[in-house]
Each structure stands twice: as structure tokens, then as C-alpha cells.
Amino acid sequence: MPGAAGEQSVSIRLIVNERRHQLDVGAGETLLSMLRERLSLLGPKEACCEGECGACTVLMDGAPVASCILAAGSTNGRTVLTVEGLAGTGELTALQQAFVNHAAVQCGYCTPGVLMVLTALLEDTPDPSEADVRRALAGTICRCTGYQQIVEAALDAAQLMIRAATS
């Protein structure tokens, strides 16, 4: 946290889940700690702290990033979306609903990161193949589901989104 003895801080401005923020962040502060400790956004999870497991994944300017290894100071002028921001209207997104329909959530620890990765995939590739989905999930670790329900949910969500766009 900034203000610790001898630690320098920098002032940043960013948008998180469509809300503008101005914060002073410490040189060693990560985006994950800023989101969880300062903004009370507990969706991104702290797990490996090495950017390897995907539990902390958020979207920065639309691209998935491991928030546990990204310096908070590097987010100045950026837009961040966390799992809390997905259902901004209060209704589940097609992907979130597909997760419910396919029982793609087990313990739920990885789910926020998985949803963020798949949200980015569906934005970039509206009609992904099973291989596309599995490639997108390569940076996430889920110990409960075996991934099959997650893949099925992503493919179902893509079809629902395509149908909704053409109706």
C-alpha cells in the first residue's frame, strides 16, 4: 500500500467496470491487490501470484491479463473489466447463463477468470470451434470440472449470442 515507509507512489486514473477512479498506488502494488483491497472487487482471486493459473484474470482494454503480476501503476489511462462488471445490467450474460445451464461451475474459485477469458474469446471470435475454446482456456487451471462443461457452456453461449444478434 502507498504510504509505507520509504515507498514511492504514483497517481493513476483508470476506469474499472465503467466507473472512473483516481488512486495513489505504491510501486510494488499489483492490479489484483488494488482491485481487491482498494475497490472491494473480490471476483479476481489470488492463487499462484505468478500469472500461471488464471484465477486473477481480468480484461484490460478488452484483453485478458493476469492481474496478480501486473503493476497497478501500469494501468493509468486503461479500462479494466472484472467479473463483477460483466452483468452491468443486473442480468446474467449469455455466457454466465450458459455456465449455469451446463453446470460449468463447481467450487467456483477459477470461474471468474474463466469467464473473463471466454468473454474475450467470444468478443474476438463470435463462433468459436471447440479447439478455439480449449486454446483460450489453456492459461486457466480448473481442478473440479474437467473443462468439458466449461467448453460446452462457451459453445452454447456463442450460439445463443449469434441467434440474439440475428433476431
N, C-alpha and C. Protein backbone atom coordinates (compact mmCIF):
# COMPACT_ATOMS: atom_id res chain seq x y z
N MET A 1 0.84 -1.19 0.00
CA MET A 1 0.00 0.00 0.00
C MET A 1 0.88 1.24 0.00
N PRO A 2 0.47 2.29 -0.69
CA PRO A 2 1.26 3.50 -0.67
C PRO A 2 1.28 4.10 0.73
N GLY A 3 2.28 4.83 0.97
CA GLY A 3 2.40 5.46 2.28
C GLY A 3 3.27 4.68 3.23
N ALA A 4 3.64 3.46 2.86
CA ALA A 4 4.54 2.68 3.70
C ALA A 4 5.88 3.38 3.74
N ALA A 5 6.62 3.18 4.80
CA ALA A 5 7.89 3.87 4.99
C ALA A 5 8.79 3.71 3.77
N GLY A 6 9.16 4.81 3.16
CA GLY A 6 10.10 4.82 2.06
C GLY A 6 9.53 4.41 0.71
N GLU A 7 8.27 4.05 0.63
CA GLU A 7 7.71 3.61 -0.64
C GLU A 7 7.18 4.80 -1.43
N GLN A 8 7.53 4.84 -2.70
CA GLN A 8 7.02 5.89 -3.57
C GLN A 8 5.67 5.47 -4.11
N SER A 9 4.85 6.45 -4.40
CA SER A 9 3.55 6.15 -5.00
C SER A 9 3.38 6.99 -6.26
N VAL A 10 2.46 6.56 -7.07
CA VAL A 10 2.14 7.26 -8.30
C VAL A 10 0.62 7.38 -8.37
N SER A 11 0.16 8.50 -8.90
CA SER A 11 -1.27 8.71 -9.05
C SER A 11 -1.71 8.18 -10.40
N ILE A 12 -2.77 7.39 -10.40
CA ILE A 12 -3.29 6.84 -11.65
C ILE A 12 -4.78 7.14 -11.78
N ARG A 13 -5.22 7.18 -13.01
CA ARG A 13 -6.64 7.30 -13.34
C ARG A 13 -6.97 6.15 -14.25
N LEU A 14 -8.03 5.46 -13.94
CA LEU A 14 -8.46 4.34 -14.76
C LEU A 14 -9.96 4.15 -14.62
N ILE A 15 -10.49 3.35 -15.50
CA ILE A 15 -11.91 3.00 -15.46
C ILE A 15 -12.00 1.52 -15.11
N VAL A 16 -12.74 1.21 -14.07
CA VAL A 16 -12.96 -0.17 -13.66
C VAL A 16 -14.46 -0.42 -13.64
N ASN A 17 -14.89 -1.37 -14.45
CA ASN A 17 -16.32 -1.71 -14.53
C ASN A 17 -17.18 -0.48 -14.77
N GLU A 18 -16.71 0.35 -15.71
CA GLU A 18 -17.42 1.55 -16.15
C GLU A 18 -17.45 2.67 -15.12
N ARG A 19 -16.64 2.58 -14.07
CA ARG A 19 -16.56 3.65 -13.07
C ARG A 19 -15.16 4.23 -13.08
N ARG A 20 -15.07 5.54 -13.08
CA ARG A 20 -13.77 6.23 -13.07
C ARG A 20 -13.20 6.23 -11.65
N HIS A 21 -11.88 6.01 -11.58
CA HIS A 21 -11.18 6.02 -10.30
C HIS A 21 -9.88 6.80 -10.44
N GLN A 22 -9.52 7.49 -9.38
CA GLN A 22 -8.20 8.10 -9.27
C GLN A 22 -7.63 7.60 -7.95
N LEU A 23 -6.46 6.98 -8.03
CA LEU A 23 -5.85 6.35 -6.86
C LEU A 23 -4.36 6.63 -6.83
N ASP A 24 -3.81 6.67 -5.64
CA ASP A 24 -2.36 6.68 -5.47
C ASP A 24 -1.97 5.24 -5.18
N VAL A 25 -1.09 4.68 -6.02
CA VAL A 25 -0.69 3.29 -5.85
C VAL A 25 0.81 3.20 -5.60
N GLY A 26 1.18 2.22 -4.81
CA GLY A 26 2.58 2.01 -4.49
C GLY A 26 3.31 1.33 -5.62
N ALA A 27 4.64 1.47 -5.62
CA ALA A 27 5.47 0.90 -6.68
C ALA A 27 5.33 -0.61 -6.76
N GLY A 28 5.14 -1.29 -5.66
CA GLY A 28 5.04 -2.75 -5.66
C GLY A 28 3.62 -3.27 -5.66
N GLU A 29 2.65 -2.40 -5.78
CA GLU A 29 1.25 -2.82 -5.72
C GLU A 29 0.80 -3.42 -7.05
N THR A 30 0.12 -4.55 -6.99
CA THR A 30 -0.39 -5.19 -8.21
C THR A 30 -1.82 -4.73 -8.49
N LEU A 31 -2.21 -4.94 -9.72
CA LEU A 31 -3.60 -4.65 -10.09
C LEU A 31 -4.54 -5.49 -9.24
N LEU A 32 -4.20 -6.75 -9.00
CA LEU A 32 -5.05 -7.62 -8.19
C LEU A 32 -5.25 -7.06 -6.79
N SER A 33 -4.17 -6.66 -6.13
CA SER A 33 -4.32 -6.13 -4.77
C SER A 33 -5.10 -4.82 -4.78
N MET A 34 -4.90 -4.00 -5.81
CA MET A 34 -5.66 -2.75 -5.89
C MET A 34 -7.15 -3.05 -6.05
N LEU A 35 -7.49 -3.99 -6.92
CA LEU A 35 -8.90 -4.32 -7.14
C LEU A 35 -9.54 -4.87 -5.88
N ARG A 36 -8.86 -5.80 -5.23
CA ARG A 36 -9.43 -6.47 -4.06
C ARG A 36 -9.43 -5.59 -2.82
N GLU A 37 -8.30 -4.95 -2.54
CA GLU A 37 -8.16 -4.22 -1.28
C GLU A 37 -8.67 -2.79 -1.33
N ARG A 38 -8.57 -2.14 -2.47
CA ARG A 38 -8.98 -0.74 -2.55
C ARG A 38 -10.38 -0.56 -3.10
N LEU A 39 -10.75 -1.42 -4.07
CA LEU A 39 -12.04 -1.25 -4.73
C LEU A 39 -13.05 -2.32 -4.31
N SER A 40 -12.65 -3.21 -3.41
CA SER A 40 -13.52 -4.27 -2.88
C SER A 40 -14.13 -5.14 -3.96
N LEU A 41 -13.38 -5.38 -5.02
CA LEU A 41 -13.81 -6.27 -6.09
C LEU A 41 -13.13 -7.61 -5.85
N LEU A 42 -13.88 -8.53 -5.30
CA LEU A 42 -13.31 -9.79 -4.83
C LEU A 42 -13.44 -10.93 -5.83
N GLY A 43 -13.98 -10.66 -7.01
CA GLY A 43 -14.10 -11.68 -8.05
C GLY A 43 -12.75 -12.24 -8.47
N PRO A 44 -11.81 -11.38 -8.89
CA PRO A 44 -10.49 -11.91 -9.24
C PRO A 44 -9.84 -12.52 -7.99
N LYS A 45 -9.37 -13.75 -8.13
CA LYS A 45 -8.84 -14.48 -6.97
C LYS A 45 -7.32 -14.46 -6.94
N GLU A 46 -6.78 -14.45 -5.74
CA GLU A 46 -5.34 -14.58 -5.57
C GLU A 46 -5.05 -16.07 -5.37
N ALA A 47 -4.21 -16.61 -6.23
CA ALA A 47 -3.90 -18.05 -6.13
C ALA A 47 -2.39 -18.25 -6.28
N CYS A 48 -1.90 -18.27 -7.50
CA CYS A 48 -0.48 -18.61 -7.71
C CYS A 48 0.46 -17.43 -7.53
N CYS A 49 -0.03 -16.22 -7.74
CA CYS A 49 0.78 -14.99 -7.68
C CYS A 49 1.94 -15.01 -8.67
N GLU A 50 1.81 -15.81 -9.72
CA GLU A 50 2.85 -15.92 -10.75
C GLU A 50 2.30 -15.79 -12.16
N GLY A 51 1.00 -15.52 -12.29
CA GLY A 51 0.41 -15.39 -13.61
C GLY A 51 0.25 -16.70 -14.35
N GLU A 52 0.20 -17.80 -13.62
CA GLU A 52 0.15 -19.12 -14.25
C GLU A 52 -1.21 -19.79 -14.20
N CYS A 53 -2.08 -19.45 -13.24
CA CYS A 53 -3.29 -20.25 -13.04
C CYS A 53 -4.56 -19.64 -13.63
N GLY A 54 -4.59 -18.33 -13.85
CA GLY A 54 -5.75 -17.69 -14.45
C GLY A 54 -6.83 -17.23 -13.48
N ALA A 55 -6.71 -17.55 -12.21
CA ALA A 55 -7.76 -17.20 -11.24
C ALA A 55 -7.94 -15.69 -11.09
N CYS A 56 -6.91 -14.94 -11.38
CA CYS A 56 -6.96 -13.48 -11.20
C CYS A 56 -7.24 -12.73 -12.50
N THR A 57 -7.57 -13.44 -13.56
CA THR A 57 -7.71 -12.82 -14.88
C THR A 57 -8.82 -11.77 -14.91
N VAL A 58 -8.48 -10.63 -15.47
CA VAL A 58 -9.42 -9.55 -15.75
C VAL A 58 -9.17 -9.12 -17.19
N LEU A 59 -10.04 -8.30 -17.73
CA LEU A 59 -9.81 -7.75 -19.06
C LEU A 59 -9.29 -6.34 -18.93
N MET A 60 -8.21 -6.04 -19.60
CA MET A 60 -7.69 -4.68 -19.64
C MET A 60 -7.72 -4.25 -21.09
N ASP A 61 -8.49 -3.21 -21.35
CA ASP A 61 -8.72 -2.74 -22.72
C ASP A 61 -9.17 -3.90 -23.61
N GLY A 62 -9.98 -4.81 -23.04
CA GLY A 62 -10.57 -5.91 -23.78
C GLY A 62 -9.75 -7.18 -23.85
N ALA A 63 -8.51 -7.16 -23.36
CA ALA A 63 -7.64 -8.34 -23.45
C ALA A 63 -7.43 -8.95 -22.06
N PRO A 64 -7.42 -10.28 -21.98
CA PRO A 64 -7.18 -10.93 -20.69
C PRO A 64 -5.76 -10.65 -20.17
N VAL A 65 -5.67 -10.32 -18.88
CA VAL A 65 -4.37 -10.12 -18.23
C VAL A 65 -4.39 -10.78 -16.86
N ALA A 66 -3.23 -11.24 -16.44
CA ALA A 66 -3.07 -11.80 -15.10
C ALA A 66 -2.84 -10.63 -14.15
N SER A 67 -3.86 -10.29 -13.39
CA SER A 67 -3.77 -9.10 -12.52
C SER A 67 -2.82 -9.28 -11.36
N CYS A 68 -2.43 -10.52 -11.06
CA CYS A 68 -1.54 -10.77 -9.93
C CYS A 68 -0.10 -10.37 -10.21
N ILE A 69 0.25 -10.21 -11.49
CA ILE A 69 1.64 -9.85 -11.82
C ILE A 69 1.73 -8.51 -12.54
N LEU A 70 0.62 -7.85 -12.71
CA LEU A 70 0.61 -6.56 -13.41
C LEU A 70 0.68 -5.43 -12.39
N ALA A 71 1.64 -4.56 -12.57
CA ALA A 71 1.79 -3.41 -11.66
C ALA A 71 0.58 -2.50 -11.78
N ALA A 72 0.02 -2.12 -10.65
CA ALA A 72 -1.14 -1.24 -10.64
C ALA A 72 -0.82 0.08 -11.35
N GLY A 73 0.40 0.55 -11.19
CA GLY A 73 0.81 1.81 -11.82
C GLY A 73 0.76 1.77 -13.33
N SER A 74 0.83 0.59 -13.92
CA SER A 74 0.80 0.47 -15.38
C SER A 74 -0.61 0.55 -15.95
N THR A 75 -1.60 0.69 -15.09
CA THR A 75 -2.99 0.74 -15.57
C THR A 75 -3.49 2.16 -15.79
N ASN A 76 -2.61 3.14 -15.63
CA ASN A 76 -3.01 4.53 -15.83
C ASN A 76 -3.60 4.72 -17.22
N GLY A 77 -4.80 5.28 -17.28
CA GLY A 77 -5.46 5.56 -18.55
C GLY A 77 -6.11 4.35 -19.19
N ARG A 78 -6.14 3.24 -18.51
CA ARG A 78 -6.67 2.00 -19.08
C ARG A 78 -8.09 1.74 -18.59
N THR A 79 -8.73 0.77 -19.22
CA THR A 79 -10.06 0.33 -18.85
C THR A 79 -9.97 -1.12 -18.41
N VAL A 80 -10.48 -1.41 -17.22
CA VAL A 80 -10.42 -2.75 -16.64
C VAL A 80 -11.84 -3.25 -16.43
N LEU A 81 -12.04 -4.51 -16.78
CA LEU A 81 -13.33 -5.16 -16.55
C LEU A 81 -13.09 -6.40 -15.71
N THR A 82 -13.80 -6.50 -14.60
CA THR A 82 -13.72 -7.69 -13.74
C THR A 82 -15.03 -8.45 -13.90
N VAL A 83 -15.07 -9.63 -13.32
CA VAL A 83 -16.29 -10.45 -13.41
C VAL A 83 -17.49 -9.70 -12.84
N GLU A 84 -17.28 -8.86 -11.86
CA GLU A 84 -18.39 -8.09 -11.29
C GLU A 84 -19.01 -7.15 -12.32
N GLY A 85 -18.24 -6.74 -13.30
CA GLY A 85 -18.72 -5.81 -14.32
C GLY A 85 -19.39 -6.47 -15.51
N LEU A 86 -19.36 -7.79 -15.59
CA LEU A 86 -19.95 -8.47 -16.74
C LEU A 86 -21.45 -8.24 -16.83
N ALA A 87 -22.14 -8.39 -15.75
CA ALA A 87 -23.60 -8.27 -15.74
C ALA A 87 -24.00 -6.88 -15.26
N GLY A 88 -23.50 -5.88 -15.93
CA GLY A 88 -23.75 -4.50 -15.54
C GLY A 88 -25.22 -4.13 -15.47
N THR A 89 -26.05 -4.81 -16.26
CA THR A 89 -27.48 -4.51 -16.26
C THR A 89 -28.22 -5.26 -15.16
N GLY A 90 -27.51 -6.11 -14.43
CA GLY A 90 -28.15 -6.89 -13.37
C GLY A 90 -28.61 -8.25 -13.84
N GLU A 91 -28.56 -8.49 -15.15
CA GLU A 91 -28.93 -9.80 -15.69
C GLU A 91 -27.67 -10.53 -16.10
N LEU A 92 -27.71 -11.85 -16.01
CA LEU A 92 -26.57 -12.64 -16.42
C LEU A 92 -26.30 -12.47 -17.92
N THR A 93 -25.03 -12.49 -18.28
CA THR A 93 -24.69 -12.51 -19.70
C THR A 93 -25.04 -13.89 -20.25
N ALA A 94 -25.04 -14.02 -21.56
CA ALA A 94 -25.32 -15.32 -22.18
C ALA A 94 -24.31 -16.35 -21.71
N LEU A 95 -23.05 -15.95 -21.55
CA LEU A 95 -22.02 -16.88 -21.09
C LEU A 95 -22.27 -17.30 -19.65
N GLN A 96 -22.59 -16.36 -18.79
CA GLN A 96 -22.88 -16.71 -17.40
C GLN A 96 -24.09 -17.63 -17.30
N GLN A 97 -25.13 -17.36 -18.07
CA GLN A 97 -26.31 -18.22 -18.05
C GLN A 97 -25.98 -19.61 -18.57
N ALA A 98 -25.14 -19.68 -19.59
CA ALA A 98 -24.73 -20.98 -20.12
C ALA A 98 -23.94 -21.77 -19.08
N PHE A 99 -23.14 -21.08 -18.27
CA PHE A 99 -22.42 -21.76 -17.18
C PHE A 99 -23.40 -22.39 -16.21
N VAL A 100 -24.47 -21.68 -15.90
CA VAL A 100 -25.50 -22.22 -15.01
C VAL A 100 -26.18 -23.42 -15.68
N ASN A 101 -26.58 -23.25 -16.93
CA ASN A 101 -27.30 -24.30 -17.65
C ASN A 101 -26.50 -25.58 -17.81
N HIS A 102 -25.19 -25.45 -17.94
CA HIS A 102 -24.32 -26.61 -18.19
C HIS A 102 -23.60 -27.09 -16.93
N ALA A 103 -23.96 -26.54 -15.78
CA ALA A 103 -23.28 -26.90 -14.52
C ALA A 103 -21.77 -26.79 -14.67
N ALA A 104 -21.34 -25.69 -15.27
CA ALA A 104 -19.91 -25.47 -15.53
C ALA A 104 -19.19 -24.89 -14.32
N VAL A 105 -19.90 -24.70 -13.23
CA VAL A 105 -19.31 -24.15 -12.01
C VAL A 105 -19.30 -25.25 -10.96
N GLN A 106 -18.16 -25.53 -10.41
CA GLN A 106 -18.07 -26.49 -9.31
C GLN A 106 -17.74 -25.70 -8.05
N CYS A 107 -16.49 -25.69 -7.64
CA CYS A 107 -16.15 -24.93 -6.43
C CYS A 107 -16.22 -23.43 -6.68
N GLY A 108 -16.01 -23.01 -7.94
CA GLY A 108 -16.16 -21.61 -8.31
C GLY A 108 -14.90 -20.77 -8.21
N TYR A 109 -13.82 -21.31 -7.69
CA TYR A 109 -12.62 -20.49 -7.49
C TYR A 109 -12.06 -19.97 -8.82
N CYS A 110 -12.03 -20.82 -9.83
CA CYS A 110 -11.48 -20.42 -11.13
C CYS A 110 -12.49 -19.67 -11.99
N THR A 111 -13.76 -19.77 -11.65
CA THR A 111 -14.84 -19.30 -12.52
C THR A 111 -14.69 -17.84 -12.95
N PRO A 112 -14.36 -16.89 -12.07
CA PRO A 112 -14.23 -15.51 -12.55
C PRO A 112 -13.19 -15.36 -13.67
N GLY A 113 -12.04 -15.98 -13.48
CA GLY A 113 -11.00 -15.89 -14.51
C GLY A 113 -11.40 -16.58 -15.80
N VAL A 114 -12.05 -17.73 -15.69
CA VAL A 114 -12.51 -18.47 -16.86
C VAL A 114 -13.54 -17.64 -17.62
N LEU A 115 -14.48 -17.04 -16.90
CA LEU A 115 -15.49 -16.19 -17.55
C LEU A 115 -14.84 -15.03 -18.29
N MET A 116 -13.80 -14.45 -17.71
CA MET A 116 -13.16 -13.31 -18.36
C MET A 116 -12.43 -13.73 -19.64
N VAL A 117 -11.73 -14.85 -19.57
CA VAL A 117 -11.02 -15.36 -20.75
C VAL A 117 -12.02 -15.67 -21.87
N LEU A 118 -13.12 -16.32 -21.51
CA LEU A 118 -14.10 -16.70 -22.52
C LEU A 118 -14.89 -15.49 -23.03
N THR A 119 -15.10 -14.50 -22.19
CA THR A 119 -15.74 -13.26 -22.65
C THR A 119 -14.89 -12.62 -23.75
N ALA A 120 -13.58 -12.56 -23.53
CA ALA A 120 -12.68 -12.00 -24.54
C ALA A 120 -12.71 -12.85 -25.81
N LEU A 121 -12.70 -14.16 -25.66
CA LEU A 121 -12.75 -15.05 -26.83
C LEU A 121 -14.00 -14.79 -27.65
N LEU A 122 -15.16 -14.76 -26.98
CA LEU A 122 -16.42 -14.59 -27.70
C LEU A 122 -16.54 -13.21 -28.34
N GLU A 123 -15.87 -12.24 -27.77
CA GLU A 123 -15.84 -10.90 -28.37
C GLU A 123 -15.02 -10.93 -29.66
N ASP A 124 -13.89 -11.61 -29.62
CA ASP A 124 -12.99 -11.67 -30.79
C ASP A 124 -13.40 -12.72 -31.81
N THR A 125 -13.99 -13.81 -31.33
CA THR A 125 -14.35 -14.95 -32.19
C THR A 125 -15.78 -15.35 -31.86
N PRO A 126 -16.76 -14.70 -32.48
CA PRO A 126 -18.16 -14.94 -32.11
C PRO A 126 -18.65 -16.37 -32.31
N ASP A 127 -18.03 -17.12 -33.20
CA ASP A 127 -18.46 -18.50 -33.46
C ASP A 127 -17.24 -19.43 -33.33
N PRO A 128 -16.74 -19.60 -32.11
CA PRO A 128 -15.51 -20.37 -31.93
C PRO A 128 -15.74 -21.87 -32.10
N SER A 129 -14.68 -22.55 -32.47
CA SER A 129 -14.70 -24.01 -32.50
C SER A 129 -14.36 -24.52 -31.10
N GLU A 130 -14.54 -25.81 -30.90
CA GLU A 130 -14.14 -26.39 -29.62
C GLU A 130 -12.65 -26.19 -29.39
N ALA A 131 -11.85 -26.30 -30.45
CA ALA A 131 -10.40 -26.08 -30.34
C ALA A 131 -10.09 -24.65 -29.92
N ASP A 132 -10.84 -23.68 -30.46
CA ASP A 132 -10.65 -22.27 -30.08
C ASP A 132 -10.89 -22.08 -28.58
N VAL A 133 -11.97 -22.69 -28.09
CA VAL A 133 -12.32 -22.56 -26.67
C VAL A 133 -11.24 -23.20 -25.82
N ARG A 134 -10.81 -24.37 -26.18
CA ARG A 134 -9.78 -25.06 -25.40
C ARG A 134 -8.46 -24.30 -25.41
N ARG A 135 -8.13 -23.70 -26.55
CA ARG A 135 -6.91 -22.87 -26.63
C ARG A 135 -7.02 -21.66 -25.70
N ALA A 136 -8.19 -21.02 -25.69
CA ALA A 136 -8.40 -19.85 -24.83
C ALA A 136 -8.27 -20.24 -23.36
N LEU A 137 -8.69 -21.44 -23.02
CA LEU A 137 -8.66 -21.91 -21.63
C LEU A 137 -7.28 -22.43 -21.20
N ALA A 138 -6.34 -22.47 -22.11
CA ALA A 138 -5.03 -23.07 -21.82
C ALA A 138 -4.32 -22.40 -20.63
N GLY A 139 -4.59 -21.15 -20.37
CA GLY A 139 -3.94 -20.45 -19.26
C GLY A 139 -4.72 -20.48 -17.96
N THR A 140 -5.76 -21.30 -17.89
CA THR A 140 -6.55 -21.37 -16.67
C THR A 140 -6.48 -22.79 -16.09
N ILE A 141 -6.50 -22.85 -14.80
CA ILE A 141 -6.48 -24.15 -14.13
C ILE A 141 -7.79 -24.33 -13.37
N CYS A 142 -8.49 -25.41 -13.73
CA CYS A 142 -9.71 -25.79 -13.02
C CYS A 142 -9.50 -27.22 -12.54
N ARG A 143 -9.60 -27.42 -11.26
CA ARG A 143 -9.37 -28.75 -10.70
C ARG A 143 -10.66 -29.54 -10.51
N CYS A 144 -11.80 -28.91 -10.73
CA CYS A 144 -13.07 -29.57 -10.41
C CYS A 144 -13.83 -30.09 -11.62
N THR A 145 -13.89 -29.32 -12.71
CA THR A 145 -14.85 -29.65 -13.77
C THR A 145 -14.32 -30.56 -14.85
N GLY A 146 -13.03 -30.63 -15.05
CA GLY A 146 -12.51 -31.38 -16.17
C GLY A 146 -12.67 -30.63 -17.49
N TYR A 147 -13.16 -29.42 -17.45
CA TYR A 147 -13.29 -28.49 -18.57
C TYR A 147 -14.41 -28.80 -19.55
N GLN A 148 -14.92 -30.01 -19.63
CA GLN A 148 -15.91 -30.34 -20.66
C GLN A 148 -17.16 -29.46 -20.52
N GLN A 149 -17.68 -29.30 -19.30
CA GLN A 149 -18.87 -28.46 -19.12
C GLN A 149 -18.58 -27.00 -19.47
N ILE A 150 -17.37 -26.56 -19.18
CA ILE A 150 -16.97 -25.18 -19.50
C ILE A 150 -16.95 -24.99 -21.01
N VAL A 151 -16.37 -25.94 -21.73
CA VAL A 151 -16.31 -25.86 -23.19
C VAL A 151 -17.72 -25.87 -23.77
N GLU A 152 -18.56 -26.77 -23.29
CA GLU A 152 -19.94 -26.84 -23.78
C GLU A 152 -20.69 -25.54 -23.50
N ALA A 153 -20.48 -24.96 -22.34
CA ALA A 153 -21.15 -23.71 -22.00
C ALA A 153 -20.70 -22.58 -22.93
N ALA A 154 -19.42 -22.51 -23.22
CA ALA A 154 -18.90 -21.47 -24.10
C ALA A 154 -19.48 -21.61 -25.51
N LEU A 155 -19.52 -22.83 -26.02
CA LEU A 155 -20.06 -23.06 -27.35
C LEU A 155 -21.56 -22.75 -27.41
N ASP A 156 -22.28 -23.12 -26.36
CA ASP A 156 -23.71 -22.81 -26.28
C ASP A 156 -23.94 -21.30 -26.22
N ALA A 157 -23.15 -20.61 -25.40
CA ALA A 157 -23.27 -19.16 -25.29
C ALA A 157 -23.03 -18.49 -26.64
N ALA A 158 -22.03 -18.97 -27.37
CA ALA A 158 -21.75 -18.40 -28.69
C ALA A 158 -22.96 -18.51 -29.60
N GLN A 159 -23.60 -19.68 -29.60
CA GLN A 159 -24.79 -19.88 -30.45
C GLN A 159 -25.96 -18.99 -30.00
N LEU A 160 -26.13 -18.87 -28.69
CA LEU A 160 -27.18 -18.00 -28.17
C LEU A 160 -26.95 -16.55 -28.58
N MET A 161 -25.69 -16.12 -28.51
CA MET A 161 -25.35 -14.74 -28.87
C MET A 161 -25.55 -14.51 -30.36
N ILE A 162 -25.21 -15.50 -31.18
CA ILE A 162 -25.40 -15.37 -32.63
C ILE A 162 -26.90 -15.27 -32.95
N ARG A 163 -27.70 -16.14 -32.32
CA ARG A 163 -29.15 -16.10 -32.54
C ARG A 163 -29.74 -14.76 -32.10
N ALA A 164 -29.28 -14.25 -30.97
CA ALA A 164 -29.79 -12.98 -30.46
C ALA A 164 -29.42 -11.82 -31.40
N ALA A 165 -28.24 -11.89 -31.98
CA ALA A 165 -27.78 -10.83 -32.89
C ALA A 165 -28.53 -10.83 -34.22
N THR A 166 -29.02 -11.99 -34.62
CA THR A 166 -29.72 -12.08 -35.90
C THR A 166 -31.23 -12.00 -35.76
N SER A 167 -31.73 -11.89 -34.54
CA SER A 167 -33.19 -11.80 -34.34
C SER A 167 -33.67 -10.38 -34.44
